[in-house]
Amino acid sequence: MWGSGPVYAPASYDLTLTATPTGNTNDSPTDITLSNTTIDENEPINTEIGTLTTTDTDAEETFTYSLVAGEGDTDNSLFTIDGNVLRSNAIFDFEAQETYSIRVETTDSANNTYSEAFIINIEDINESIATLDIDDNGALEPQDYNLINLYSSQLDESEFYFLINNFSNDLIGKNSTRTDASSIFSYLNEVGEILLDIDGNNKV
């Protein structure tokens, strides 16, 4: 027989359960791909270089791209990103520098990020004076040889290429406003350079 005495109620406890979703998480991007990493020297600012794509396990994900600070960001300022397209923000000269380094970040719809450094290569273009063709007709004519003679007689190589690269809209090309030898000669005189023609008499 049980003796008489106090009777105690069972102890009670508070239990908190935390549910962890197993199928609805948004994972971070895992890789960035750039479709092309080469640009020709002397191309104008805003030239398209390549297209950026992101690897992510989430289906139908959207991404934004930006140039960010971090390892490999040395030359970020010389490039821009328009949507998912990498573009130039400078005119590159292979003889001055052959490669440039940038760091790109991709951000998904949940603000998860992934970044990676890329090397952009500058392609050396044959700038031989023998390819000059002022009126774009596929043949070298007297006015073309005038420029060749200017190179050989009056300017050193760097000065000649500076003149062609910086005044190409006026001197050569499909949109040229000066396609005849006399107007080219006058224009070169305006900028302080003297053009000697083949026989040295300032005439074609």
C-alpha atoms as a PDB file:
ATOM      1  CA  MET A   1       0.000   0.000   0.000  1.00  0.00           C
ATOM      2  CA  TRP A   2       1.318   3.369  -1.048  1.00  0.00           C
ATOM      3  CA  GLY A   3       1.853   5.800   1.711  1.00  0.00           C
ATOM      4  CA  SER A   4       0.162   9.159   1.647  1.00  0.00           C
ATOM      5  CA  GLY A   5       2.190  12.165   0.508  1.00  0.00           C
ATOM      6  CA  PRO A   6       2.368  14.930  -2.140  1.00  0.00           C
ATOM      7  CA  VAL A   7       1.593  14.069  -5.741  1.00  0.00           C
ATOM      8  CA  TYR A   8       3.614  15.871  -8.445  1.00  0.00           C
ATOM      9  CA  ALA A   9       2.428  16.584 -11.949  1.00  0.00           C
ATOM     10  CA  PRO A  10       4.753  15.552 -14.839  1.00  0.00           C
ATOM     11  CA  ALA A  11       7.215  18.250 -15.953  1.00  0.00           C
ATOM     12  CA  SER A  12       6.309  20.236 -19.143  1.00  0.00           C
ATOM     13  CA  TYR A  13       8.714  21.526 -21.825  1.00  0.00           C
ATOM     14  CA  ASP A  14       8.542  24.034 -24.682  1.00  0.00           C
ATOM     15  CA  LEU A  15       9.764  22.652 -28.027  1.00  0.00           C
ATOM     16  CA  THR A  16      10.483  24.840 -31.050  1.00  0.00           C
ATOM     17  CA  LEU A  17      10.761  23.247 -34.485  1.00  0.00           C
ATOM     18  CA  THR A  18      12.422  24.998 -37.432  1.00  0.00           C
ATOM     19  CA  ALA A  19      11.531  23.832 -40.920  1.00  0.00           C
ATOM     20  CA  THR A  20      14.291  23.906 -43.566  1.00  0.00           C
ATOM     21  CA  PRO A  21      13.047  24.151 -47.174  1.00  0.00           C
ATOM     22  CA  THR A  22      14.454  21.447 -49.393  1.00  0.00           C
ATOM     23  CA  GLY A  23      13.292  22.392 -52.886  1.00  0.00           C
ATOM     24  CA  ASN A  24      12.797  26.177 -53.097  1.00  0.00           C
ATOM     25  CA  THR A  25      16.242  27.653 -52.392  1.00  0.00           C
ATOM     26  CA  ASN A  26      17.896  30.007 -54.880  1.00  0.00           C
ATOM     27  CA  ASP A  27      21.461  28.906 -55.477  1.00  0.00           C
ATOM     28  CA  SER A  28      24.332  31.234 -56.319  1.00  0.00           C
ATOM     29  CA  PRO A  29      25.808  31.394 -59.822  1.00  0.00           C
ATOM     30  CA  THR A  30      28.863  29.173 -60.268  1.00  0.00           C
ATOM     31  CA  ASP A  31      30.577  30.462 -63.427  1.00  0.00           C
ATOM     32  CA  ILE A  32      30.760  33.258 -66.017  1.00  0.00           C
ATOM     33  CA  THR A  33      31.642  32.740 -69.664  1.00  0.00           C
ATOM     34  CA  LEU A  34      32.806  35.441 -72.095  1.00  0.00           C
ATOM     35  CA  SER A  35      32.212  34.459 -75.715  1.00  0.00           C
ATOM     36  CA  ASN A  36      35.245  36.356 -77.042  1.00  0.00           C
ATOM     37  CA  THR A  37      38.308  37.826 -75.323  1.00  0.00           C
ATOM     38  CA  THR A  38      40.052  39.514 -78.267  1.00  0.00           C
ATOM     39  CA  ILE A  39      39.671  42.952 -79.860  1.00  0.00           C
ATOM     40  CA  ASP A  40      41.609  44.408 -82.781  1.00  0.00           C
ATOM     41  CA  GLU A  41      43.829  47.381 -82.054  1.00  0.00           C
ATOM     42  CA  ASN A  42      42.619  50.820 -83.236  1.00  0.00           C
ATOM     43  CA  GLU A  43      38.933  49.864 -82.999  1.00  0.00           C
ATOM     44  CA  PRO A  44      36.672  52.763 -81.879  1.00  0.00           C
ATOM     45  CA  ILE A  45      35.324  53.172 -78.357  1.00  0.00           C
ATOM     46  CA  ASN A  46      32.161  51.127 -77.692  1.00  0.00           C
ATOM     47  CA  THR A  47      33.261  48.255 -79.946  1.00  0.00           C
ATOM     48  CA  GLU A  48      31.576  44.993 -78.959  1.00  0.00           C
ATOM     49  CA  ILE A  49      34.063  42.440 -77.625  1.00  0.00           C
ATOM     50  CA  GLY A  50      31.974  39.506 -76.401  1.00  0.00           C
ATOM     51  CA  THR A  51      28.793  38.266 -74.738  1.00  0.00           C
ATOM     52  CA  LEU A  52      28.595  37.246 -71.073  1.00  0.00           C
ATOM     53  CA  THR A  53      26.645  34.196 -69.907  1.00  0.00           C
ATOM     54  CA  THR A  54      26.206  32.708 -66.430  1.00  0.00           C
ATOM     55  CA  THR A  55      26.082  29.119 -65.168  1.00  0.00           C
ATOM     56  CA  ASP A  56      23.442  28.626 -62.458  1.00  0.00           C
ATOM     57  CA  THR A  57      21.525  25.550 -61.276  1.00  0.00           C
ATOM     58  CA  ASP A  58      18.280  27.530 -61.000  1.00  0.00           C
ATOM     59  CA  ALA A  59      16.072  27.316 -64.077  1.00  0.00           C
ATOM     60  CA  GLU A  60      14.862  30.450 -65.897  1.00  0.00           C
ATOM     61  CA  GLU A  61      17.128  32.683 -63.820  1.00  0.00           C
ATOM     62  CA  THR A  62      17.977  36.252 -64.868  1.00  0.00           C
ATOM     63  CA  PHE A  63      21.335  37.970 -64.405  1.00  0.00           C
ATOM     64  CA  THR A  64      22.895  41.408 -64.389  1.00  0.00           C
ATOM     65  CA  TYR A  65      26.582  42.059 -65.003  1.00  0.00           C
ATOM     66  CA  SER A  66      29.009  44.671 -63.721  1.00  0.00           C
ATOM     67  CA  LEU A  67      32.721  45.411 -63.509  1.00  0.00           C
ATOM     68  CA  VAL A  68      33.769  45.133 -59.870  1.00  0.00           C
ATOM     69  CA  ALA A  69      36.784  45.654 -57.649  1.00  0.00           C
ATOM     70  CA  GLY A  70      38.890  42.659 -56.739  1.00  0.00           C
ATOM     71  CA  GLU A  71      41.670  40.497 -58.040  1.00  0.00           C
ATOM     72  CA  GLY A  72      42.226  41.180 -61.730  1.00  0.00           C
ATOM     73  CA  ASP A  73      40.368  44.536 -61.856  1.00  0.00           C
ATOM     74  CA  THR A  74      43.424  46.501 -63.072  1.00  0.00           C
ATOM     75  CA  ASP A  75      41.897  47.708 -66.354  1.00  0.00           C
ATOM     76  CA  ASN A  76      38.174  47.861 -65.519  1.00  0.00           C
ATOM     77  CA  SER A  77      37.962  51.545 -66.481  1.00  0.00           C
ATOM     78  CA  LEU A  78      38.914  50.752 -70.083  1.00  0.00           C
ATOM     79  CA  PHE A  79      35.796  48.626 -70.609  1.00  0.00           C
ATOM     80  CA  THR A  80      32.030  48.873 -70.118  1.00  0.00           C
ATOM     81  CA  ILE A  81      29.186  46.359 -69.891  1.00  0.00           C
ATOM     82  CA  ASP A  82      25.933  47.014 -71.767  1.00  0.00           C
ATOM     83  CA  GLY A  83      23.379  44.434 -70.672  1.00  0.00           C
ATOM     84  CA  ASN A  84      25.368  41.242 -71.141  1.00  0.00           C
ATOM     85  CA  VAL A  85      27.768  42.651 -73.754  1.00  0.00           C
ATOM     86  CA  LEU A  86      31.341  43.645 -72.933  1.00  0.00           C
ATOM     87  CA  ARG A  87      32.435  46.753 -74.889  1.00  0.00           C
ATOM     88  CA  SER A  88      35.618  48.785 -75.204  1.00  0.00           C
ATOM     89  CA  ASN A  89      35.955  52.141 -73.466  1.00  0.00           C
ATOM     90  CA  ALA A  90      39.283  53.046 -75.073  1.00  0.00           C
ATOM     91  CA  ILE A  91      41.157  52.752 -78.360  1.00  0.00           C
ATOM     92  CA  PHE A  92      43.814  50.091 -77.888  1.00  0.00           C
ATOM     93  CA  ASP A  93      47.301  49.990 -79.385  1.00  0.00           C
ATOM     94  CA  PHE A  94      48.933  46.562 -79.547  1.00  0.00           C
ATOM     95  CA  GLU A  95      52.393  48.124 -79.649  1.00  0.00           C
ATOM     96  CA  ALA A  96      51.695  49.905 -76.330  1.00  0.00           C
ATOM     97  CA  GLN A  97      50.059  46.999 -74.455  1.00  0.00           C
ATOM     98  CA  GLU A  98      48.989  43.531 -75.577  1.00  0.00           C
ATOM     99  CA  THR A  99      46.683  42.358 -72.762  1.00  0.00           C
ATOM    100  CA  TYR A 100      44.295  43.898 -70.233  1.00  0.00           C
ATOM    101  CA  SER A 101      42.707  42.474 -67.082  1.00  0.00           C
ATOM    102  CA  ILE A 102      39.113  42.986 -65.893  1.00  0.00           C
ATOM    103  CA  ARG A 103      36.906  41.517 -63.157  1.00  0.00           C
ATOM    104  CA  VAL A 104      33.235  40.819 -63.921  1.00  0.00           C
ATOM    105  CA  GLU A 105      30.448  40.042 -61.463  1.00  0.00           C
ATOM    106  CA  THR A 106      27.122  38.368 -62.235  1.00  0.00           C
ATOM    107  CA  THR A 107      24.109  38.845 -59.929  1.00  0.00           C
ATOM    108  CA  ASP A 108      20.990  36.668 -60.025  1.00  0.00           C
ATOM    109  CA  SER A 109      17.412  37.609 -59.123  1.00  0.00           C
ATOM    110  CA  ALA A 110      18.013  36.795 -55.438  1.00  0.00           C
ATOM    111  CA  ASN A 111      21.131  39.007 -55.334  1.00  0.00           C
ATOM    112  CA  ASN A 112      23.446  36.026 -55.186  1.00  0.00           C
ATOM    113  CA  THR A 113      26.736  36.864 -56.895  1.00  0.00           C
ATOM    114  CA  TYR A 114      29.748  35.296 -58.533  1.00  0.00           C
ATOM    115  CA  SER A 115      32.773  37.152 -59.927  1.00  0.00           C
ATOM    116  CA  GLU A 116      35.682  36.189 -62.152  1.00  0.00           C
ATOM    117  CA  ALA A 117      38.697  37.839 -63.779  1.00  0.00           C
ATOM    118  CA  PHE A 118      39.244  37.827 -67.551  1.00  0.00           C
ATOM    119  CA  ILE A 119      42.210  38.681 -69.745  1.00  0.00           C
ATOM    120  CA  ILE A 120      41.364  40.712 -72.864  1.00  0.00           C
ATOM    121  CA  ASN A 121      43.851  40.332 -75.705  1.00  0.00           C
ATOM    122  CA  ILE A 122      44.630  43.049 -78.244  1.00  0.00           C
ATOM    123  CA  GLU A 123      45.028  41.772 -81.789  1.00  0.00           C
ATOM    124  CA  ASP A 124      47.927  43.225 -83.761  1.00  0.00           C
ATOM    125  CA  ILE A 125      46.758  44.631 -87.100  1.00  0.00           C
ATOM    126  CA  ASN A 126      49.028  44.942 -90.119  1.00  0.00           C
ATOM    127  CA  GLU A 127      49.369  48.683 -90.504  1.00  0.00           C
ATOM    128  CA  SER A 128      51.544  48.448 -93.586  1.00  0.00           C
ATOM    129  CA  ILE A 129      51.490  51.596 -95.709  1.00  0.00           C
ATOM    130  CA  ALA A 130      51.161  49.403 -98.787  1.00  0.00           C
ATOM    131  CA  THR A 131      47.504  48.781 -97.895  1.00  0.00           C
ATOM    132  CA  LEU A 132      46.464  52.457 -98.066  1.00  0.00           C
ATOM    133  CA  ASP A 133      43.684  53.020-100.581  1.00  0.00           C
ATOM    134  CA  ILE A 134      42.154  56.472-100.194  1.00  0.00           C
ATOM    135  CA  ASP A 135      39.173  56.129-102.513  1.00  0.00           C
ATOM    136  CA  ASP A 136      38.532  52.516-101.509  1.00  0.00           C
ATOM    137  CA  ASN A 137      38.625  51.229-105.078  1.00  0.00           C
ATOM    138  CA  GLY A 138      41.048  48.401-104.409  1.00  0.00           C
ATOM    139  CA  ALA A 139      44.011  49.953-106.199  1.00  0.00           C
ATOM    140  CA  LEU A 140      46.857  52.237-105.201  1.00  0.00           C
ATOM    141  CA  GLU A 141      46.743  55.525-107.123  1.00  0.00           C
ATOM    142  CA  PRO A 142      48.891  58.713-107.119  1.00  0.00           C
ATOM    143  CA  GLN A 143      47.125  60.154-104.075  1.00  0.00           C
ATOM    144  CA  ASP A 144      47.809  56.928-102.194  1.00  0.00           C
ATOM    145  CA  TYR A 145      51.482  57.092-103.062  1.00  0.00           C
ATOM    146  CA  ASN A 146      51.577  60.663-101.828  1.00  0.00           C
ATOM    147  CA  LEU A 147      50.768  59.387 -98.344  1.00  0.00           C
ATOM    148  CA  ILE A 148      53.325  56.614 -98.706  1.00  0.00           C
ATOM    149  CA  ASN A 149      55.896  59.204 -99.705  1.00  0.00           C
ATOM    150  CA  LEU A 150      54.918  61.326 -96.718  1.00  0.00           C
ATOM    151  CA  TYR A 151      55.728  58.358 -94.514  1.00  0.00           C
ATOM    152  CA  SER A 152      59.114  57.728 -96.117  1.00  0.00           C
ATOM    153  CA  SER A 153      60.200  61.346 -96.523  1.00  0.00           C
ATOM    154  CA  GLN A 154      58.706  63.508 -93.789  1.00  0.00           C
ATOM    155  CA  LEU A 155      57.505  61.602 -90.743  1.00  0.00           C
ATOM    156  CA  ASP A 156      58.839  58.842 -88.578  1.00  0.00           C
ATOM    157  CA  GLU A 157      56.677  55.737 -88.170  1.00  0.00           C
ATOM    158  CA  SER A 158      54.888  56.785 -84.982  1.00  0.00           C
ATOM    159  CA  GLU A 159      54.038  60.227 -86.374  1.00  0.00           C
ATOM    160  CA  PHE A 160      52.708  58.724 -89.587  1.00  0.00           C
ATOM    161  CA  TYR A 161      50.434  56.270 -87.812  1.00  0.00           C
ATOM    162  CA  PHE A 162      49.241  58.993 -85.447  1.00  0.00           C
ATOM    163  CA  LEU A 163      48.246  61.085 -88.453  1.00  0.00           C
ATOM    164  CA  ILE A 164      46.411  58.226 -90.171  1.00  0.00           C
ATOM    165  CA  ASN A 165      44.694  56.951 -87.028  1.00  0.00           C
ATOM    166  CA  ASN A 166      43.563  60.356 -85.780  1.00  0.00           C
ATOM    167  CA  PHE A 167      42.550  61.935 -89.067  1.00  0.00           C
ATOM    168  CA  SER A 168      41.293  58.843 -90.902  1.00  0.00           C
ATOM    169  CA  ASN A 169      37.801  60.318 -91.283  1.00  0.00           C
ATOM    170  CA  ASP A 170      39.327  63.061 -93.377  1.00  0.00           C
ATOM    171  CA  LEU A 171      42.160  61.244 -95.091  1.00  0.00           C
ATOM    172  CA  ILE A 172      40.982  57.718 -95.846  1.00  0.00           C
ATOM    173  CA  GLY A 173      37.925  55.527 -95.614  1.00  0.00           C
ATOM    174  CA  LYS A 174      34.469  55.178 -97.138  1.00  0.00           C
ATOM    175  CA  ASN A 175      33.185  58.337 -95.451  1.00  0.00           C
ATOM    176  CA  SER A 176      36.186  60.415 -96.428  1.00  0.00           C
ATOM    177  CA  THR A 177      35.615  64.092 -97.174  1.00  0.00           C
ATOM    178  CA  ARG A 178      39.017  64.449 -98.869  1.00  0.00           C
ATOM    179  CA  THR A 179      39.605  61.787-101.490  1.00  0.00           C
ATOM    180  CA  ASP A 180      41.668  63.704-104.046  1.00  0.00           C
ATOM    181  CA  ALA A 181      45.369  64.327-103.757  1.00  0.00           C
ATOM    182  CA  SER A 182      45.237  68.152-103.877  1.00  0.00           C
ATOM    183  CA  SER A 183      42.776  68.488-100.993  1.00  0.00           C
ATOM    184  CA  ILE A 184      44.735  65.942 -98.931  1.00  0.00           C
ATOM    185  CA  PHE A 185      47.889  67.918 -99.604  1.00  0.00           C
ATOM    186  CA  SER A 186      46.168  71.127 -98.461  1.00  0.00           C
ATOM    187  CA  TYR A 187      44.833  69.467 -95.360  1.00  0.00           C
ATOM    188  CA  LEU A 188      48.219  68.117 -94.360  1.00  0.00           C
ATOM    189  CA  ASN A 189      49.672  71.588 -94.770  1.00  0.00           C
ATOM    190  CA  GLU A 190      46.942  72.894 -92.447  1.00  0.00           C
ATOM    191  CA  VAL A 191      48.117  70.593 -89.682  1.00  0.00           C
ATOM    192  CA  GLY A 192      51.745  71.573 -90.192  1.00  0.00           C
ATOM    193  CA  GLU A 193      53.001  68.587 -92.177  1.00  0.00           C
ATOM    194  CA  ILE A 194      54.517  68.924 -95.670  1.00  0.00           C
ATOM    195  CA  LEU A 195      53.599  66.330 -98.262  1.00  0.00           C
ATOM    196  CA  LEU A 196      56.160  65.620-100.966  1.00  0.00           C
ATOM    197  CA  ASP A 197      54.904  63.693-103.955  1.00  0.00           C
ATOM    198  CA  ILE A 198      56.808  61.012-105.818  1.00  0.00           C
ATOM    199  CA  ASP A 199      58.783  63.314-108.070  1.00  0.00           C
ATOM    200  CA  GLY A 200      59.209  66.069-105.484  1.00  0.00           C
ATOM    201  CA  ASN A 201      57.308  68.848-107.285  1.00  0.00           C
ATOM    202  CA  ASN A 202      54.199  68.831-105.066  1.00  0.00           C
ATOM    203  CA  LYS A 203      52.047  67.638-107.943  1.00  0.00           C
ATOM    204  CA  VAL A 204      50.420  64.335-108.734  1.00  0.00           C
END
